[in-house]
Amino acid sequence: RFTISRDNAKNTMYLQMNSLKPEDTAVYYCNAG
């Protein structure tokens, strides 16, 4: 359902979230390391 990706030119990471469910409700935190 989810896809993680990176755009190296923009120094940006993404999380595409599809088919979302109520149990996906949360605070989402980006992390490195």
PDB file of all heavy atoms in Angstrom:
ATOM      1  N   ARG A   1       0.807  -1.217   0.000  1.00  0.00           N
ATOM      2  CA  ARG A   1       0.000   0.000   0.000  1.00  0.00           C
ATOM      3  C   ARG A   1       0.842   1.270   0.000  1.00  0.00           C
ATOM      4  O   ARG A   1       0.433   2.276  -0.578  1.00  0.00           O
ATOM      5  CB  ARG A   1      -0.935   0.027   1.211  1.00  0.00           C
ATOM      6  CG  ARG A   1      -1.900  -1.136   1.266  1.00  0.00           C
ATOM      7  CD  ARG A   1      -2.912  -0.968   2.398  1.00  0.00           C
ATOM      8  NE  ARG A   1      -2.267  -0.947   3.712  1.00  0.00           N
ATOM      9  CZ  ARG A   1      -2.333   0.075   4.564  1.00  0.00           C
ATOM     10  NH1 ARG A   1      -3.021   1.170   4.256  1.00  0.00           N
ATOM     11  NH2 ARG A   1      -1.724  -0.004   5.749  1.00  0.00           N
ATOM     12  N   PHE A   2       1.996   1.229   0.665  1.00  0.00           N
ATOM     13  CA  PHE A   2       2.864   2.396   0.782  1.00  0.00           C
ATOM     14  C   PHE A   2       4.099   2.197  -0.092  1.00  0.00           C
ATOM     15  O   PHE A   2       4.594   1.072  -0.247  1.00  0.00           O
ATOM     16  CB  PHE A   2       3.336   2.599   2.224  1.00  0.00           C
ATOM     17  CG  PHE A   2       2.273   3.030   3.196  1.00  0.00           C
ATOM     18  CD1 PHE A   2       0.930   3.034   2.872  1.00  0.00           C
ATOM     19  CD2 PHE A   2       2.648   3.444   4.472  1.00  0.00           C
ATOM     20  CE1 PHE A   2      -0.035   3.431   3.785  1.00  0.00           C
ATOM     21  CE2 PHE A   2       1.698   3.843   5.394  1.00  0.00           C
ATOM     22  CZ  PHE A   2       0.354   3.836   5.052  1.00  0.00           C
ATOM     23  N   THR A   3       4.619   3.300  -0.623  1.00  0.00           N
ATOM     24  CA  THR A   3       5.844   3.275  -1.405  1.00  0.00           C
ATOM     25  C   THR A   3       6.769   4.382  -0.927  1.00  0.00           C
ATOM     26  O   THR A   3       6.387   5.553  -0.921  1.00  0.00           O
ATOM     27  CB  THR A   3       5.570   3.452  -2.898  1.00  0.00           C
ATOM     28  OG1 THR A   3       4.677   2.429  -3.354  1.00  0.00           O
ATOM     29  CG2 THR A   3       6.871   3.371  -3.700  1.00  0.00           C
ATOM     30  N   ILE A   4       7.986   4.015  -0.539  1.00  0.00           N
ATOM     31  CA  ILE A   4       8.992   4.989  -0.134  1.00  0.00           C
ATOM     32  C   ILE A   4       9.924   5.244  -1.314  1.00  0.00           C
ATOM     33  O   ILE A   4      10.266   4.318  -2.060  1.00  0.00           O
ATOM     34  CB  ILE A   4       9.759   4.508   1.119  1.00  0.00           C
ATOM     35  CG1 ILE A   4      10.663   5.608   1.670  1.00  0.00           C
ATOM     36  CG2 ILE A   4      10.536   3.230   0.839  1.00  0.00           C
ATOM     37  CD1 ILE A   4      11.257   5.260   3.035  1.00  0.00           C
ATOM     38  N   SER A   5      10.325   6.495  -1.498  1.00  0.00           N
ATOM     39  CA  SER A   5      11.186   6.844  -2.617  1.00  0.00           C
ATOM     40  C   SER A   5      12.055   8.040  -2.251  1.00  0.00           C
ATOM     41  O   SER A   5      11.828   8.705  -1.236  1.00  0.00           O
ATOM     42  CB  SER A   5      10.365   7.144  -3.875  1.00  0.00           C
ATOM     43  OG  SER A   5       9.505   8.246  -3.666  1.00  0.00           O
ATOM     44  N   ARG A   6      13.052   8.299  -3.091  1.00  0.00           N
ATOM     45  CA  ARG A   6      13.962   9.430  -2.892  1.00  0.00           C
ATOM     46  C   ARG A   6      14.141  10.180  -4.196  1.00  0.00           C
ATOM     47  O   ARG A   6      14.196   9.579  -5.272  1.00  0.00           O
ATOM     48  CB  ARG A   6      15.335   8.946  -2.416  1.00  0.00           C
ATOM     49  CG  ARG A   6      15.369   8.259  -1.096  1.00  0.00           C
ATOM     50  CD  ARG A   6      16.678   7.521  -0.915  1.00  0.00           C
ATOM     51  NE  ARG A   6      17.819   8.420  -0.930  1.00  0.00           N
ATOM     52  CZ  ARG A   6      19.074   8.030  -1.082  1.00  0.00           C
ATOM     53  NH1 ARG A   6      19.348   6.734  -1.240  1.00  0.00           N
ATOM     54  NH2 ARG A   6      20.053   8.913  -1.072  1.00  0.00           N
ATOM     55  N   ASP A   7      14.257  11.504  -4.096  1.00  0.00           N
ATOM     56  CA  ASP A   7      14.662  12.343  -5.210  1.00  0.00           C
ATOM     57  C   ASP A   7      16.014  12.934  -4.819  1.00  0.00           C
ATOM     58  O   ASP A   7      16.082  13.880  -4.039  1.00  0.00           O
ATOM     59  CB  ASP A   7      13.637  13.434  -5.483  1.00  0.00           C
ATOM     60  CG  ASP A   7      13.961  14.253  -6.711  1.00  0.00           C
ATOM     61  OD1 ASP A   7      15.147  14.361  -7.083  1.00  0.00           O
ATOM     62  OD2 ASP A   7      13.016  14.807  -7.311  1.00  0.00           O
ATOM     63  N   ASN A   8      17.085  12.376  -5.354  1.00  0.00           N
ATOM     64  CA  ASN A   8      18.419  12.776  -4.928  1.00  0.00           C
ATOM     65  C   ASN A   8      18.746  14.220  -5.318  1.00  0.00           C
ATOM     66  O   ASN A   8      19.492  14.895  -4.608  1.00  0.00           O
ATOM     67  CB  ASN A   8      19.463  11.827  -5.516  1.00  0.00           C
ATOM     68  CG  ASN A   8      19.356  10.430  -4.947  1.00  0.00           C
ATOM     69  OD1 ASN A   8      18.835  10.222  -3.854  1.00  0.00           O
ATOM     70  ND2 ASN A   8      19.851   9.450  -5.695  1.00  0.00           N
ATOM     71  N   ALA A   9      18.201  14.694  -6.432  1.00  0.00           N
ATOM     72  CA  ALA A   9      18.458  16.063  -6.855  1.00  0.00           C
ATOM     73  C   ALA A   9      17.851  17.082  -5.900  1.00  0.00           C
ATOM     74  O   ALA A   9      18.355  18.201  -5.784  1.00  0.00           O
ATOM     75  CB  ALA A   9      17.944  16.290  -8.267  1.00  0.00           C
ATOM     76  N   LYS A  10      16.770  16.706  -5.230  1.00  0.00           N
ATOM     77  CA  LYS A  10      16.071  17.613  -4.318  1.00  0.00           C
ATOM     78  C   LYS A  10      16.355  17.324  -2.851  1.00  0.00           C
ATOM     79  O   LYS A  10      15.824  18.021  -1.982  1.00  0.00           O
ATOM     80  CB  LYS A  10      14.570  17.545  -4.560  1.00  0.00           C
ATOM     81  CG  LYS A  10      14.139  18.021  -5.931  1.00  0.00           C
ATOM     82  CD  LYS A  10      12.635  17.957  -6.076  1.00  0.00           C
ATOM     83  CE  LYS A  10      12.188  18.474  -7.424  1.00  0.00           C
ATOM     84  NZ  LYS A  10      10.713  18.407  -7.584  1.00  0.00           N
ATOM     85  N   ASN A  11      17.167  16.318  -2.557  1.00  0.00           N
ATOM     86  CA  ASN A  11      17.426  15.894  -1.171  1.00  0.00           C
ATOM     87  C   ASN A  11      16.121  15.681  -0.410  1.00  0.00           C
ATOM     88  O   ASN A  11      15.953  16.119   0.733  1.00  0.00           O
ATOM     89  CB  ASN A  11      18.303  16.912  -0.435  1.00  0.00           C
ATOM     90  CG  ASN A  11      19.673  17.054  -1.044  1.00  0.00           C
ATOM     91  OD1 ASN A  11      20.258  16.088  -1.525  1.00  0.00           O
ATOM     92  ND2 ASN A  11      20.212  18.267  -1.024  1.00  0.00           N
ATOM     93  N   THR A  12      15.202  15.000  -1.049  1.00  0.00           N
ATOM     94  CA  THR A  12      13.862  14.816  -0.505  1.00  0.00           C
ATOM     95  C   THR A  12      13.454  13.355  -0.584  1.00  0.00           C
ATOM     96  O   THR A  12      13.692  12.684  -1.594  1.00  0.00           O
ATOM     97  CB  THR A  12      12.846  15.690  -1.245  1.00  0.00           C
ATOM     98  OG1 THR A  12      13.223  17.065  -1.115  1.00  0.00           O
ATOM     99  CG2 THR A  12      11.455  15.515  -0.671  1.00  0.00           C
ATOM    100  N   MET A  13      12.836  12.878   0.489  1.00  0.00           N
ATOM    101  CA  MET A  13      12.284  11.538   0.561  1.00  0.00           C
ATOM    102  C   MET A  13      10.774  11.640   0.618  1.00  0.00           C
ATOM    103  O   MET A  13      10.227  12.587   1.197  1.00  0.00           O
ATOM    104  CB  MET A  13      12.811  10.822   1.813  1.00  0.00           C
ATOM    105  CG  MET A  13      12.233   9.442   2.030  1.00  0.00           C
ATOM    106  SD  MET A  13      12.838   8.674   3.561  1.00  0.00           S
ATOM    107  CE  MET A  13      12.165   9.798   4.799  1.00  0.00           C
ATOM    108  N   TYR A  14      10.090  10.648   0.046  1.00  0.00           N
ATOM    109  CA  TYR A  14       8.642  10.641  -0.008  1.00  0.00           C
ATOM    110  C   TYR A  14       8.090   9.332   0.532  1.00  0.00           C
ATOM    111  O   TYR A  14       8.736   8.289   0.492  1.00  0.00           O
ATOM    112  CB  TYR A  14       8.152  10.815  -1.442  1.00  0.00           C
ATOM    113  CG  TYR A  14       8.669  12.048  -2.122  1.00  0.00           C
ATOM    114  CD1 TYR A  14       9.786  11.993  -2.954  1.00  0.00           C
ATOM    115  CD2 TYR A  14       8.049  13.280  -1.930  1.00  0.00           C
ATOM    116  CE1 TYR A  14      10.264  13.127  -3.576  1.00  0.00           C
ATOM    117  CE2 TYR A  14       8.528  14.419  -2.552  1.00  0.00           C
ATOM    118  CZ  TYR A  14       9.628  14.339  -3.376  1.00  0.00           C
ATOM    119  OH  TYR A  14      10.101  15.473  -3.991  1.00  0.00           O
ATOM    120  N   LEU A  15       6.863   9.404   1.018  1.00  0.00           N
ATOM    121  CA  LEU A  15       6.095   8.215   1.342  1.00  0.00           C
ATOM    122  C   LEU A  15       4.730   8.360   0.683  1.00  0.00           C
ATOM    123  O   LEU A  15       3.907   9.165   1.127  1.00  0.00           O
ATOM    124  CB  LEU A  15       5.945   8.028   2.851  1.00  0.00           C
ATOM    125  CG  LEU A  15       5.252   6.739   3.279  1.00  0.00           C
ATOM    126  CD1 LEU A  15       6.132   5.531   2.961  1.00  0.00           C
ATOM    127  CD2 LEU A  15       4.901   6.772   4.762  1.00  0.00           C
ATOM    128  N   GLN A  16       4.521   7.611  -0.385  1.00  0.00           N
ATOM    129  CA  GLN A  16       3.224   7.577  -1.042  1.00  0.00           C
ATOM    130  C   GLN A  16       2.359   6.549  -0.333  1.00  0.00           C
ATOM    131  O   GLN A  16       2.718   5.370  -0.278  1.00  0.00           O
ATOM    132  CB  GLN A  16       3.378   7.215  -2.514  1.00  0.00           C
ATOM    133  CG  GLN A  16       2.062   7.113  -3.271  1.00  0.00           C
ATOM    134  CD  GLN A  16       1.353   8.443  -3.385  1.00  0.00           C
ATOM    135  OE1 GLN A  16       1.973   9.440  -3.734  1.00  0.00           O
ATOM    136  NE2 GLN A  16       0.067   8.460  -3.092  1.00  0.00           N
ATOM    137  N   MET A  17       1.235   6.979   0.202  1.00  0.00           N
ATOM    138  CA  MET A  17       0.353   6.126   0.977  1.00  0.00           C
ATOM    139  C   MET A  17      -0.963   5.981   0.236  1.00  0.00           C
ATOM    140  O   MET A  17      -1.697   6.956   0.063  1.00  0.00           O
ATOM    141  CB  MET A  17       0.120   6.710   2.371  1.00  0.00           C
ATOM    142  CG  MET A  17       1.403   6.985   3.140  1.00  0.00           C
ATOM    143  SD  MET A  17       1.093   7.542   4.832  1.00  0.00           S
ATOM    144  CE  MET A  17       0.303   9.122   4.498  1.00  0.00           C
ATOM    145  N   ASN A  18      -1.255   4.774  -0.206  1.00  0.00           N
ATOM    146  CA  ASN A  18      -2.490   4.465  -0.910  1.00  0.00           C
ATOM    147  C   ASN A  18      -3.329   3.500  -0.084  1.00  0.00           C
ATOM    148  O   ASN A  18      -2.836   2.847   0.832  1.00  0.00           O
ATOM    149  CB  ASN A  18      -2.191   3.849  -2.278  1.00  0.00           C
ATOM    150  CG  ASN A  18      -1.428   4.771  -3.191  1.00  0.00           C
ATOM    151  OD1 ASN A  18      -1.593   5.986  -3.150  1.00  0.00           O
ATOM    152  ND2 ASN A  18      -0.587   4.182  -4.048  1.00  0.00           N
ATOM    153  N   SER A  19      -4.597   3.389  -0.444  1.00  0.00           N
ATOM    154  CA  SER A  19      -5.517   2.474   0.236  1.00  0.00           C
ATOM    155  C   SER A  19      -5.458   2.644   1.742  1.00  0.00           C
ATOM    156  O   SER A  19      -5.373   1.670   2.496  1.00  0.00           O
ATOM    157  CB  SER A  19      -5.211   1.027  -0.164  1.00  0.00           C
ATOM    158  OG  SER A  19      -5.308   0.851  -1.568  1.00  0.00           O
ATOM    159  N   LEU A  20      -5.527   3.875   2.189  1.00  0.00           N
ATOM    160  CA  LEU A  20      -5.356   4.167   3.607  1.00  0.00           C
ATOM    161  C   LEU A  20      -6.495   3.598   4.438  1.00  0.00           C
ATOM    162  O   LEU A  20      -7.649   3.566   4.008  1.00  0.00           O
ATOM    163  CB  LEU A  20      -5.240   5.670   3.824  1.00  0.00           C
ATOM    164  CG  LEU A  20      -3.866   6.238   3.467  1.00  0.00           C
ATOM    165  CD1 LEU A  20      -3.940   7.744   3.269  1.00  0.00           C
ATOM    166  CD2 LEU A  20      -2.856   5.896   4.567  1.00  0.00           C
ATOM    167  N   LYS A  21      -6.138   3.154   5.632  1.00  0.00           N
ATOM    168  CA  LYS A  21      -7.068   2.551   6.580  1.00  0.00           C
ATOM    169  C   LYS A  21      -7.110   3.386   7.853  1.00  0.00           C
ATOM    170  O   LYS A  21      -6.141   4.077   8.174  1.00  0.00           O
ATOM    171  CB  LYS A  21      -6.619   1.132   6.933  1.00  0.00           C
ATOM    172  CG  LYS A  21      -6.437   0.208   5.747  1.00  0.00           C
ATOM    173  CD  LYS A  21      -5.869  -1.125   6.192  1.00  0.00           C
ATOM    174  CE  LYS A  21      -5.675  -2.066   5.028  1.00  0.00           C
ATOM    175  NZ  LYS A  21      -5.107  -3.365   5.466  1.00  0.00           N
ATOM    176  N   PRO A  22      -8.204   3.314   8.614  1.00  0.00           N
ATOM    177  CA  PRO A  22      -8.243   4.052   9.883  1.00  0.00           C
ATOM    178  C   PRO A  22      -7.073   3.731  10.803  1.00  0.00           C
ATOM    179  O   PRO A  22      -6.602   4.623  11.524  1.00  0.00           O
ATOM    180  CB  PRO A  22      -9.581   3.620  10.487  1.00  0.00           C
ATOM    181  CG  PRO A  22     -10.430   3.323   9.303  1.00  0.00           C
ATOM    182  CD  PRO A  22      -9.501   2.704   8.296  1.00  0.00           C
ATOM    183  N   GLU A  23      -6.589   2.496  10.791  1.00  0.00           N
ATOM    184  CA  GLU A  23      -5.471   2.127  11.647  1.00  0.00           C
ATOM    185  C   GLU A  23      -4.144   2.742  11.214  1.00  0.00           C
ATOM    186  O   GLU A  23      -3.147   2.619  11.928  1.00  0.00           O
ATOM    187  CB  GLU A  23      -5.333   0.597  11.754  1.00  0.00           C
ATOM    188  CG  GLU A  23      -5.303  -0.107  10.417  1.00  0.00           C
ATOM    189  CD  GLU A  23      -6.651  -0.666  10.014  1.00  0.00           C
ATOM    190  OE1 GLU A  23      -7.666   0.052  10.135  1.00  0.00           O
ATOM    191  OE2 GLU A  23      -6.700  -1.837   9.573  1.00  0.00           O
ATOM    192  N   ASP A  24      -4.110   3.401  10.061  1.00  0.00           N
ATOM    193  CA  ASP A  24      -2.931   4.160   9.654  1.00  0.00           C
ATOM    194  C   ASP A  24      -2.864   5.526  10.328  1.00  0.00           C
ATOM    195  O   ASP A  24      -1.851   6.225  10.182  1.00  0.00           O
ATOM    196  CB  ASP A  24      -2.914   4.358   8.137  1.00  0.00           C
ATOM    197  CG  ASP A  24      -2.773   3.059   7.367  1.00  0.00           C
ATOM    198  OD1 ASP A  24      -1.968   2.202   7.782  1.00  0.00           O
ATOM    199  OD2 ASP A  24      -3.463   2.908   6.332  1.00  0.00           O
ATOM    200  N   THR A  25      -3.907   5.920  11.034  1.00  0.00           N
ATOM    201  CA  THR A  25      -3.928   7.211  11.713  1.00  0.00           C
ATOM    202  C   THR A  25      -2.802   7.287  12.738  1.00  0.00           C
ATOM    203  O   THR A  25      -2.692   6.430  13.621  1.00  0.00           O
ATOM    204  CB  THR A  25      -5.280   7.437  12.391  1.00  0.00           C
ATOM    205  OG1 THR A  25      -6.303   7.518  11.393  1.00  0.00           O
ATOM    206  CG2 THR A  25      -5.272   8.727  13.199  1.00  0.00           C
ATOM    207  N   ALA A  26      -1.961   8.305  12.620  1.00  0.00           N
ATOM    208  CA  ALA A  26      -0.807   8.463  13.501  1.00  0.00           C
ATOM    209  C   ALA A  26      -0.088   9.749  13.135  1.00  0.00           C
ATOM    210  O   ALA A  26      -0.366  10.364  12.103  1.00  0.00           O
ATOM    211  CB  ALA A  26       0.155   7.278  13.361  1.00  0.00           C
ATOM    212  N   VAL A  27       0.857  10.133  13.979  1.00  0.00           N
ATOM    213  CA  VAL A  27       1.838  11.133  13.604  1.00  0.00           C
ATOM    214  C   VAL A  27       2.980  10.401  12.917  1.00  0.00           C
ATOM    215  O   VAL A  27       3.539   9.447  13.468  1.00  0.00           O
ATOM    216  CB  VAL A  27       2.346  11.932  14.813  1.00  0.00           C
ATOM    217  CG1 VAL A  27       3.416  12.933  14.380  1.00  0.00           C
ATOM    218  CG2 VAL A  27       1.193  12.654  15.495  1.00  0.00           C
ATOM    219  N   TYR A  28       3.322  10.836  11.723  1.00  0.00           N
ATOM    220  CA  TYR A  28       4.381  10.218  10.938  1.00  0.00           C
ATOM    221  C   TYR A  28       5.639  11.071  11.040  1.00  0.00           C
ATOM    222  O   TYR A  28       5.596  12.288  10.873  1.00  0.00           O
ATOM    223  CB  TYR A  28       3.955  10.077   9.481  1.00  0.00           C
ATOM    224  CG  TYR A  28       2.982   8.952   9.269  1.00  0.00           C
ATOM    225  CD1 TYR A  28       1.688   9.030   9.750  1.00  0.00           C
ATOM    226  CD2 TYR A  28       3.373   7.788   8.595  1.00  0.00           C
ATOM    227  CE1 TYR A  28       0.797   7.986   9.583  1.00  0.00           C
ATOM    228  CE2 TYR A  28       2.481   6.742   8.414  1.00  0.00           C
ATOM    229  CZ  TYR A  28       1.197   6.845   8.908  1.00  0.00           C
ATOM    230  OH  TYR A  28       0.316   5.806   8.731  1.00  0.00           O
ATOM    231  N   TYR A  29       6.765  10.407  11.300  1.00  0.00           N
ATOM    232  CA  TYR A  29       8.038  11.083  11.510  1.00  0.00           C
ATOM    233  C   TYR A  29       9.061  10.638  10.477  1.00  0.00           C
ATOM    234  O   TYR A  29       9.307   9.436  10.316  1.00  0.00           O
ATOM    235  CB  TYR A  29       8.600  10.772  12.894  1.00  0.00           C
ATOM    236  CG  TYR A  29       7.760  11.286  14.040  1.00  0.00           C
ATOM    237  CD1 TYR A  29       6.799  10.490  14.632  1.00  0.00           C
ATOM    238  CD2 TYR A  29       7.946  12.576  14.527  1.00  0.00           C
ATOM    239  CE1 TYR A  29       6.033  10.951  15.680  1.00  0.00           C
ATOM    240  CE2 TYR A  29       7.183  13.046  15.581  1.00  0.00           C
ATOM    241  CZ  TYR A  29       6.225  12.229  16.152  1.00  0.00           C
ATOM    242  OH  TYR A  29       5.478  12.698  17.200  1.00  0.00           O
ATOM    243  N   CYS A  30       9.653  11.595   9.812  1.00  0.00           N
ATOM    244  CA  CYS A  30      10.799  11.341   8.957  1.00  0.00           C
ATOM    245  C   CYS A  30      12.013  11.036   9.820  1.00  0.00           C
ATOM    246  O   CYS A  30      12.200  11.628  10.889  1.00  0.00           O
ATOM    247  CB  CYS A  30      11.061  12.575   8.091  1.00  0.00           C
ATOM    248  SG  CYS A  30      12.499  12.479   7.030  1.00  0.00           S
ATOM    249  N   ASN A  31      12.863  10.111   9.364  1.00  0.00           N
ATOM    250  CA  ASN A  31      14.040   9.712  10.118  1.00  0.00           C
ATOM    251  C   ASN A  31      15.227   9.494   9.193  1.00  0.00           C
ATOM    252  O   ASN A  31      15.078   9.009   8.078  1.00  0.00           O
ATOM    253  CB  ASN A  31      13.756   8.424  10.891  1.00  0.00           C
ATOM    254  CG  ASN A  31      15.009   7.819  11.485  1.00  0.00           C
ATOM    255  OD1 ASN A  31      15.625   6.929  10.891  1.00  0.00           O
ATOM    256  ND2 ASN A  31      15.395   8.302  12.654  1.00  0.00           N
ATOM    257  N   ALA A  32      16.399   9.840   9.707  1.00  0.00           N
ATOM    258  CA  ALA A  32      17.662   9.494   9.066  1.00  0.00           C
ATOM    259  C   ALA A  32      18.570   8.857  10.102  1.00  0.00           C
ATOM    260  O   ALA A  32      18.763   9.409  11.188  1.00  0.00           O
ATOM    261  CB  ALA A  32      18.327  10.727   8.469  1.00  0.00           C
ATOM    262  N   GLY A  33      19.127   7.699   9.779  1.00  0.00           N
ATOM    263  CA  GLY A  33      20.087   7.071  10.669  1.00  0.00           C
ATOM    264  C   GLY A  33      19.487   6.277  11.806  1.00  0.00           C
ATOM    265  O   GLY A  33      20.141   6.110  12.845  1.00  0.00           O
TER     266      GLY A  33
END
